[in-house]
C-alpha atoms as a PDB file:
ATOM      1  CA  GLY A   1     105.103 105.674 117.615  1.00  0.00           C
ATOM      2  CA  MET A   2     105.311 107.350 114.230  1.00  0.00           C
ATOM      3  CA  HIS A   3     108.202 109.764 114.015  1.00  0.00           C
ATOM      4  CA  THR A   4     109.207 112.041 111.206  1.00  0.00           C
ATOM      5  CA  LEU A   5     112.749 111.907 109.900  1.00  0.00           C
ATOM      6  CA  SER A   6     113.450 115.246 111.581  1.00  0.00           C
ATOM      7  CA  VAL A   7     112.373 113.905 114.983  1.00  0.00           C
ATOM      8  CA  VAL A   8     114.569 110.805 114.610  1.00  0.00           C
ATOM      9  CA  ALA A   9     117.511 112.900 113.405  1.00  0.00           C
ATOM     10  CA  ALA A  10     117.173 115.362 116.315  1.00  0.00           C
ATOM     11  CA  LYS A  11     117.221 112.442 118.760  1.00  0.00           C
ATOM     12  CA  TRP A  12     120.505 111.254 117.202  1.00  0.00           C
ATOM     13  CA  GLY A  13     122.029 114.740 116.940  1.00  0.00           C
ATOM     14  CA  LEU A  14     122.177 114.789 113.134  1.00  0.00           C
ATOM     15  CA  ASN A  15     121.817 118.564 113.023  1.00  0.00           C
ATOM     16  CA  GLU A  16     124.028 119.027 109.950  1.00  0.00           C
ATOM     17  CA  HIS A  17     121.437 117.086 107.930  1.00  0.00           C
ATOM     18  CA  ALA A  18     118.384 119.036 109.144  1.00  0.00           C
ATOM     19  CA  GLN A  19     117.675 120.668 105.773  1.00  0.00           C
ATOM     20  CA  LEU A  20     117.752 117.380 103.841  1.00  0.00           C
ATOM     21  CA  LEU A  21     115.545 115.676 106.431  1.00  0.00           C
ATOM     22  CA  GLN A  22     112.975 118.488 106.487  1.00  0.00           C
ATOM     23  CA  GLN A  23     112.820 118.376 102.690  1.00  0.00           C
ATOM     24  CA  LEU A  24     112.283 114.589 102.722  1.00  0.00           C
ATOM     25  CA  ASP A  25     109.654 114.919 105.492  1.00  0.00           C
ATOM     26  CA  ARG A  26     107.715 117.372 103.298  1.00  0.00           C
ATOM     27  CA  GLN A  27     107.950 115.005 100.316  1.00  0.00           C
ATOM     28  CA  LEU A  28     106.789 112.032 102.390  1.00  0.00           C
ATOM     29  CA  GLN A  29     103.775 114.006 103.630  1.00  0.00           C
ATOM     30  CA  GLY A  30     102.841 115.122 100.104  1.00  0.00           C
ATOM     31  CA  GLN A  31     100.157 113.734  97.816  1.00  0.00           C
ATOM     32  CA  GLN A  32     102.149 110.934  96.187  1.00  0.00           C
ATOM     33  CA  PRO A  33     105.129 110.238  98.391  1.00  0.00           C
ATOM     34  CA  ASP A  34     107.849 108.067  96.883  1.00  0.00           C
ATOM     35  CA  ALA A  35     109.223 106.502 100.042  1.00  0.00           C
ATOM     36  CA  SER A  36     111.735 104.324  98.208  1.00  0.00           C
ATOM     37  CA  LYS A  37     113.260 107.398  96.514  1.00  0.00           C
ATOM     38  CA  ALA A  38     113.494 109.136  99.891  1.00  0.00           C
ATOM     39  CA  TRP A  39     115.157 106.046 101.396  1.00  0.00           C
ATOM     40  CA  ALA A  40     117.635 105.812  98.500  1.00  0.00           C
ATOM     41  CA  ARG A  41     118.552 109.468  99.021  1.00  0.00           C
ATOM     42  CA  LEU A  42     119.075 108.974 102.765  1.00  0.00           C
ATOM     43  CA  CYS A  43     121.289 105.963 102.093  1.00  0.00           C
ATOM     44  CA  LYS A  44     123.367 107.934  99.607  1.00  0.00           C
ATOM     45  CA  GLU A  45     123.638 111.274 101.412  1.00  0.00           C
ATOM     46  CA  LEU A  46     123.408 110.541 105.128  1.00  0.00           C
ATOM     47  CA  LEU A  47     123.689 106.958 106.329  1.00  0.00           C
ATOM     48  CA  LEU A  48     127.089 105.347 106.859  1.00  0.00           C
ATOM     49  CA  PRO A  49     127.964 101.747 107.796  1.00  0.00           C
ATOM     50  CA  GLU A  50     129.711 102.893 110.972  1.00  0.00           C
ATOM     51  CA  GLN A  51     126.567 104.596 112.300  1.00  0.00           C
ATOM     52  CA  PRO A  52     124.501 102.546 114.770  1.00  0.00           C
ATOM     53  CA  PHE A  53     122.140 100.057 113.148  1.00  0.00           C
ATOM     54  CA  GLU A  54     119.366 101.366 115.401  1.00  0.00           C
ATOM     55  CA  LEU A  55     119.637 104.751 113.644  1.00  0.00           C
ATOM     56  CA  HIS A  56     119.243 103.051 110.262  1.00  0.00           C
ATOM     57  CA  GLN A  57     116.211 101.148 111.572  1.00  0.00           C
ATOM     58  CA  GLN A  58     114.534 104.254 112.980  1.00  0.00           C
ATOM     59  CA  LEU A  59     115.034 106.302 109.807  1.00  0.00           C
ATOM     60  CA  TYR A  60     113.768 103.357 107.728  1.00  0.00           C
ATOM     61  CA  ALA A  61     110.657 103.116 109.924  1.00  0.00           C
ATOM     62  CA  ALA A  62     110.053 106.867 109.577  1.00  0.00           C
ATOM     63  CA  VAL A  63     110.471 106.808 105.773  1.00  0.00           C
ATOM     64  CA  TYR A  64     108.128 103.855 105.330  1.00  0.00           C
ATOM     65  CA  ALA A  65     105.613 104.788 108.064  1.00  0.00           C
ATOM     66  CA  SER A  66     102.726 104.982 105.574  1.00  0.00           C
ATOM     67  CA  TRP A  67     103.848 102.071 103.350  1.00  0.00           C
ATOM     68  CA  HIS A  68     101.062  99.475 102.958  1.00  0.00           C
ATOM     69  CA  ALA A  69     102.931  96.172 102.956  1.00  0.00           C
ATOM     70  CA  SER A  70      99.674  94.213 102.551  1.00  0.00           C
ATOM     71  CA  GLU A  71      99.097  95.922  99.188  1.00  0.00           C
ATOM     72  CA  ARG A  72     102.654  96.587  97.996  1.00  0.00           C
ATOM     73  CA  GLY A  73     104.738  93.872  99.618  1.00  0.00           C
ATOM     74  CA  PRO A  74     107.648  94.587 101.951  1.00  0.00           C
ATOM     75  CA  ALA A  75     109.239  98.030 101.755  1.00  0.00           C
ATOM     76  CA  PRO A  76     112.553  97.932  99.884  1.00  0.00           C
ATOM     77  CA  VAL A  77     115.774  98.222 101.877  1.00  0.00           C
ATOM     78  CA  LEU A  78     118.054  98.332  98.843  1.00  0.00           C
ATOM     79  CA  VAL A  79     117.097 100.808  96.127  1.00  0.00           C
ATOM     80  CA  PRO A  80     119.771 100.548  93.425  1.00  0.00           C
ATOM     81  CA  ASP A  81     120.325 103.452  91.040  1.00  0.00           C
ATOM     82  CA  GLN A  82     119.720 102.989  87.304  1.00  0.00           C
ATOM     83  CA  GLN A  83     123.392 102.369  86.515  1.00  0.00           C
ATOM     84  CA  THR A  84     123.595  99.599  89.129  1.00  0.00           C
ATOM     85  CA  VAL A  85     120.392  98.026  87.777  1.00  0.00           C
ATOM     86  CA  GLN A  86     121.783  98.070  84.219  1.00  0.00           C
ATOM     87  CA  GLN A  87     124.902  96.207  85.369  1.00  0.00           C
ATOM     88  CA  THR A  88     123.018  93.245  86.878  1.00  0.00           C
ATOM     89  CA  ASN A  89     122.988  89.774  85.333  1.00  0.00           C
ATOM     90  CA  VAL A  90     119.214  89.893  84.918  1.00  0.00           C
ATOM     91  CA  ALA A  91     119.475  93.192  82.992  1.00  0.00           C
ATOM     92  CA  ARG A  92     122.050  91.633  80.659  1.00  0.00           C
ATOM     93  CA  PHE A  93     119.779  88.626  80.254  1.00  0.00           C
ATOM     94  CA  MET A  94     116.778  90.847  79.439  1.00  0.00           C
ATOM     95  CA  LYS A  95     118.737  92.661  76.720  1.00  0.00           C
ATOM     96  CA  LEU A  96     119.489  89.360  74.954  1.00  0.00           C
ATOM     97  CA  PHE A  97     116.219  87.542  75.718  1.00  0.00           C
ATOM     98  CA  GLN A  98     114.102  87.102  72.576  1.00  0.00           C
ATOM     99  CA  GLY A  99     110.997  86.145  74.531  1.00  0.00           C
ATOM    100  CA  ASP A 100     107.597  85.823  72.935  1.00  0.00           C
ATOM    101  CA  LEU A 101     105.295  88.325  71.224  1.00  0.00           C
ATOM    102  CA  ARG A 102     104.090  89.656  74.557  1.00  0.00           C
ATOM    103  CA  TRP A 103     107.668  90.265  75.743  1.00  0.00           C
ATOM    104  CA  GLU A 104     108.611  91.951  72.474  1.00  0.00           C
ATOM    105  CA  SER A 105     105.543  94.201  72.437  1.00  0.00           C
ATOM    106  CA  GLN A 106     105.323  95.144  76.140  1.00  0.00           C
ATOM    107  CA  ARG A 107     108.922  95.430  77.345  1.00  0.00           C
ATOM    108  CA  THR A 108     110.257  98.908  78.063  1.00  0.00           C
ATOM    109  CA  ALA A 109     114.023  98.097  78.133  1.00  0.00           C
ATOM    110  CA  ASP A 110     114.061  99.289  81.765  1.00  0.00           C
ATOM    111  CA  PRO A 111     114.866  96.165  83.809  1.00  0.00           C
ATOM    112  CA  SER A 112     113.177  97.490  86.951  1.00  0.00           C
ATOM    113  CA  GLN A 113     109.959  98.030  84.974  1.00  0.00           C
ATOM    114  CA  ASP A 114     110.213  94.816  82.925  1.00  0.00           C
ATOM    115  CA  TRP A 115     110.900  92.461  85.834  1.00  0.00           C
ATOM    116  CA  PRO A 116     107.199  91.576  86.482  1.00  0.00           C
ATOM    117  CA  LEU A 117     106.680  91.000  82.741  1.00  0.00           C
ATOM    118  CA  LEU A 118     109.714  88.690  82.609  1.00  0.00           C
ATOM    119  CA  GLN A 119     108.304  86.679  85.517  1.00  0.00           C
ATOM    120  CA  GLU A 120     104.904  86.410  83.806  1.00  0.00           C
ATOM    121  CA  VAL A 121     106.401  85.382  80.452  1.00  0.00           C
ATOM    122  CA  SER A 122     108.660  82.794  82.101  1.00  0.00           C
ATOM    123  CA  CYS A 123     105.621  81.154  83.736  1.00  0.00           C
ATOM    124  CA  ALA A 124     103.127  81.538  80.890  1.00  0.00           C
ATOM    125  CA  ASN A 125     105.554  80.428  78.190  1.00  0.00           C
ATOM    126  CA  PRO A 126     108.279  78.297  79.851  1.00  0.00           C
ATOM    127  CA  ASN A 127     109.498  76.742  76.584  1.00  0.00           C
ATOM    128  CA  VAL A 128     110.417  80.212  75.269  1.00  0.00           C
ATOM    129  CA  PHE A 129     112.045  81.154  78.559  1.00  0.00           C
ATOM    130  CA  TRP A 130     114.078  77.983  79.154  1.00  0.00           C
END
């Protein structure tokens, strides 16, 4: 069934993280929940590789309980921070890529925002891309 983060955490005895989990539960039940931000925060502040994988799975399921995969695609497991994104090969490529008029006029210089545009430009104008 659908469990909140607090319910999952109580089951696993994660009492020292109760405040964080209650805060994230409130955010996820708000008007415009950003589940991927909540997941990134859990990964950074709570989850550890040595914890059971089942715990990771249950918290992930609770965070993304209202995620509509049919509309949005699969829920992200890895949510890199901005610094990590900037250090990727595709980010370096985007900085140097001249592109076409559409790329030049619509890009934001934020690789996570510009990724769909890069895909569109590469398909619509392959000679510019390759």
